[in-house]
Protein backbone atom coordinates (compact mmCIF):
# COMPACT_ATOMS: atom_id res chain seq x y z
CA MET A 1 108.11 133.39 97.11
CA THR A 2 104.52 133.57 95.89
CA VAL A 3 105.62 132.40 92.40
CA TYR A 4 107.25 129.22 94.08
CA PHE A 5 103.97 128.27 95.66
CA THR A 6 101.61 129.20 92.60
CA LYS A 7 103.72 127.44 90.08
CA ASN A 8 102.06 124.39 88.29
CA ILE A 9 103.98 121.31 89.18
CA THR A 10 101.65 118.45 88.16
CA GLN A 11 102.76 118.02 84.47
CA ASP A 12 105.08 114.83 85.47
CA SER A 13 102.26 113.33 87.53
CA GLN A 14 99.68 113.68 84.81
CA SER A 15 102.14 112.16 82.43
CA ILE A 16 102.64 109.29 84.68
CA HIS A 17 98.93 108.94 85.19
CA GLU A 18 98.44 108.97 81.65
CA SER A 19 100.97 106.41 80.70
CA LEU A 20 100.16 103.90 83.39
CA THR A 21 96.32 103.93 82.76
CA LYS A 22 97.14 102.12 79.52
CA LEU A 23 98.13 99.08 81.29
CA THR A 24 95.66 96.39 81.59
CA LYS A 25 93.44 95.93 84.52
CA THR A 26 95.45 92.70 85.61
CA ASN A 27 98.71 94.58 85.33
CA ARG A 28 97.47 97.59 87.32
CA LEU A 29 96.00 95.32 90.23
CA VAL A 30 99.56 93.44 90.38
CA LEU A 31 101.30 96.71 90.43
CA VAL A 32 98.96 97.98 93.25
CA SER A 33 99.35 94.74 95.16
CA ILE A 34 103.20 94.87 94.91
CA ILE A 35 103.30 98.59 95.87
CA SER A 36 100.97 97.92 98.77
CA GLY A 37 103.30 95.17 100.08
CA LEU A 38 106.01 97.72 99.95
CA ALA A 39 104.09 100.30 101.96
CA ALA A 40 103.29 97.52 104.48
CA VAL A 41 106.83 96.60 104.81
CA PHE A 42 107.88 100.34 105.08
CA GLN A 43 105.45 100.96 107.88
CA ALA A 44 106.20 97.66 109.75
CA ALA A 45 110.04 98.45 109.64
CA GLY A 46 109.92 100.12 112.85
CA GLY A 47 108.55 97.26 114.84
CA PHE A 48 110.98 94.72 113.12
CA LEU A 49 114.14 96.63 113.30
CA PRO A 50 113.83 99.02 116.31
CA GLY A 51 115.73 102.02 115.96
CA VAL A 52 116.92 102.13 112.23
CA GLY A 53 113.64 100.81 111.14
CA TYR A 54 111.84 104.03 112.45
CA PHE A 55 113.73 105.79 109.36
CA PHE A 56 112.00 103.64 106.98
CA SER A 57 108.66 103.88 108.49
CA PRO A 58 107.92 107.35 106.88
CA LEU A 59 108.54 105.90 103.53
CA ALA A 60 105.24 104.13 103.49
CA THR A 61 103.70 107.44 102.23
CA ALA A 62 105.48 107.13 98.94
CA PRO A 63 103.80 103.87 97.63
CA ILE A 64 100.52 105.41 98.57
CA ILE A 65 101.09 108.55 96.77
CA PHE A 66 102.05 106.62 93.68
CA CYS A 67 99.02 104.37 93.71
CA THR A 68 96.80 107.37 93.94
CA ILE A 69 98.49 108.96 90.96
CA LEU A 70 97.47 105.81 88.86
CA SER A 71 93.99 106.53 90.06
CA ILE A 72 92.00 107.44 93.02
CA ARG A 73 90.33 104.11 93.25
CA LEU A 74 93.55 102.35 93.09
CA GLY A 75 94.89 104.61 95.79
CA LEU A 76 92.12 103.70 98.22
CA MET A 77 92.62 100.00 97.17
CA SER A 78 96.45 100.40 97.94
CA TYR A 79 95.70 102.08 101.30
CA LEU A 80 93.00 99.48 102.36
CA LEU A 81 95.36 96.56 101.28
CA SER A 82 98.38 98.05 103.19
CA THR A 83 96.12 98.36 106.40
CA PHE A 84 94.98 94.73 106.04
CA MET A 85 98.67 93.56 105.54
CA LEU A 86 99.55 95.60 108.68
CA LEU A 87 96.92 93.85 110.60
CA ILE A 88 98.57 90.42 109.90
CA ILE A 89 102.34 91.48 109.97
CA GLN A 90 102.53 94.25 112.56
CA PRO A 91 99.12 94.94 114.36
CA SER A 92 100.73 97.61 116.58
CA GLU A 93 100.99 99.88 113.61
CA LEU A 94 97.35 99.73 112.77
CA ILE A 95 96.59 103.02 114.52
CA VAL A 96 99.39 104.82 112.92
CA PHE A 97 99.29 103.92 109.30
CA PRO A 98 95.75 104.73 108.40
CA PHE A 99 95.59 107.97 110.29
CA THR A 100 98.96 109.55 109.47
CA THR A 101 101.27 107.84 106.84
CA GLY A 102 98.65 106.24 104.61
CA LEU A 103 96.19 109.19 104.93
CA LEU A 104 98.82 111.61 104.00
CA GLY A 105 99.76 109.46 100.79
CA LEU A 106 96.12 109.62 100.02
CA GLY A 107 95.79 113.35 100.41
CA VAL A 108 98.83 114.26 98.37
CA GLY A 109 98.20 111.85 95.77
CA TYR A 110 94.57 113.13 95.18
CA ALA A 111 95.90 116.44 95.17
CA PHE A 112 98.39 115.78 92.21
CA LEU A 113 95.46 114.45 90.42
CA LYS A 114 93.25 117.44 91.02
CA TYR A 115 95.22 120.53 91.71
CA LYS A 116 98.00 122.07 89.57
CA LYS A 117 99.64 124.56 92.11
CA ARG A 118 102.12 123.63 94.81
CA LEU A 119 100.06 125.46 97.54
CA GLY A 120 97.04 123.36 96.97
CA ILE A 121 98.75 120.28 97.07
CA ILE A 122 100.63 121.07 100.09
CA MET A 123 97.28 122.25 101.87
CA SER A 124 95.52 118.97 100.68
CA GLY A 125 98.27 116.85 102.32
CA CYS A 126 98.36 119.11 105.53
CA ALA A 127 94.56 118.74 105.90
CA ALA A 128 94.47 114.89 105.68
CA LEU A 129 97.67 114.48 108.01
CA SER A 130 96.31 117.00 110.68
CA LEU A 131 92.93 115.54 110.52
CA GLY A 132 94.11 112.10 111.09
CA ILE A 133 96.43 113.01 113.94
CA ILE A 134 93.73 115.12 115.71
CA ILE A 135 91.42 112.22 115.37
CA VAL A 136 93.73 109.79 116.72
CA LEU A 137 94.72 112.02 119.68
CA TYR A 138 91.25 113.56 120.54
CA ALA A 139 88.75 111.07 119.50
CA PHE A 140 90.48 107.82 120.26
CA LYS A 141 92.68 109.22 123.20
CA PHE A 142 95.59 107.46 121.72
CA PRO A 143 99.10 109.05 122.79
CA LEU A 144 100.24 109.16 119.18
CA LEU A 145 102.98 111.95 119.76
CA GLY A 146 104.01 110.48 123.23
CA PRO A 147 104.59 113.08 125.99
CA ALA A 148 104.63 115.94 123.41
CA ALA A 149 100.93 116.25 123.34
CA SER A 150 98.38 115.20 125.76
CA THR A 151 95.08 113.57 124.91
CA SER A 152 92.96 116.36 126.17
CA PHE A 153 92.36 119.22 123.83
CA ASN A 154 94.80 121.88 123.68
CA PRO A 155 94.77 124.66 121.00
CA PHE A 156 98.50 125.03 121.13
CA ALA A 157 99.09 121.34 120.54
CA VAL A 158 96.43 121.68 117.71
CA GLY A 159 98.64 124.44 116.33
CA GLY A 160 102.00 122.63 116.75
CA ILE A 161 100.14 119.94 114.76
CA LEU A 162 99.10 121.96 111.80
CA LEU A 163 102.57 123.52 111.56
CA PHE A 164 104.13 120.06 111.47
CA ALA A 165 101.54 118.67 108.94
CA ILE A 166 102.23 121.84 106.73
CA ILE A 167 106.13 121.29 106.68
CA TYR A 168 105.90 117.45 106.59
CA SER A 169 103.37 117.67 103.59
CA TRP A 170 105.58 120.11 101.93
CA ILE A 171 108.64 117.61 102.21
CA TRP A 172 106.53 115.04 100.62
CA VAL A 173 105.26 117.13 97.70
CA GLU A 174 108.97 118.14 97.05
CA ALA A 175 110.10 114.67 97.19
CA SER A 176 107.24 113.40 95.00
CA VAL A 177 108.09 116.27 92.38
CA ILE A 178 111.56 114.90 92.25
CA CYS A 179 110.56 111.35 92.01
CA PHE A 180 107.92 111.94 89.30
CA LYS A 181 110.55 113.90 87.13
CA ARG A 182 112.89 110.76 87.35
CA LEU A 183 110.15 108.28 86.98
CA ASN A 184 108.55 110.18 84.06
CA ILE A 185 111.58 109.64 82.11
CA ILE A 186 111.81 106.09 82.73
CA VAL A 187 108.11 105.67 81.78
CA ALA A 188 108.39 107.62 78.76
CA SER A 189 111.18 105.78 77.33
């Protein structure tokens, strides 16, 4: 199990990063704007398609991860652009995306560029997601988790949030590794 978490997994993401940095600035901006629109549509799906749309909403993390793989600056640009698009098309998602889905994408994407080991990448995503949820719950007093966690501080709720964030970040890291392998084949050819 130790080998699993200490194994290098960033080869494909680094290869994609190097391939896509060869694009012109205009092409990168167009790519980021299209991907940001995709992130905003995924996040807004819960409001437009109640029920089934909530299955698409978590997918808003993937475009932010991808843009952050291009460069940290483009990842931040995509994060902000997606947030502004949500302001226009689905304002009810403005508290959720910047502090959960989008922040997780930034954390995992940044970690893919800076760290090589799976554990570091998972922990980076976990830190970003749990920090975002805790800020929304305890600083803004917004019931993000519904009745599962109150807006008054509770150490057990924080422990549950950390456990959820680790598992959710781990899922996104593994999904990203699979997607990067497939995307690397496309970009390399």
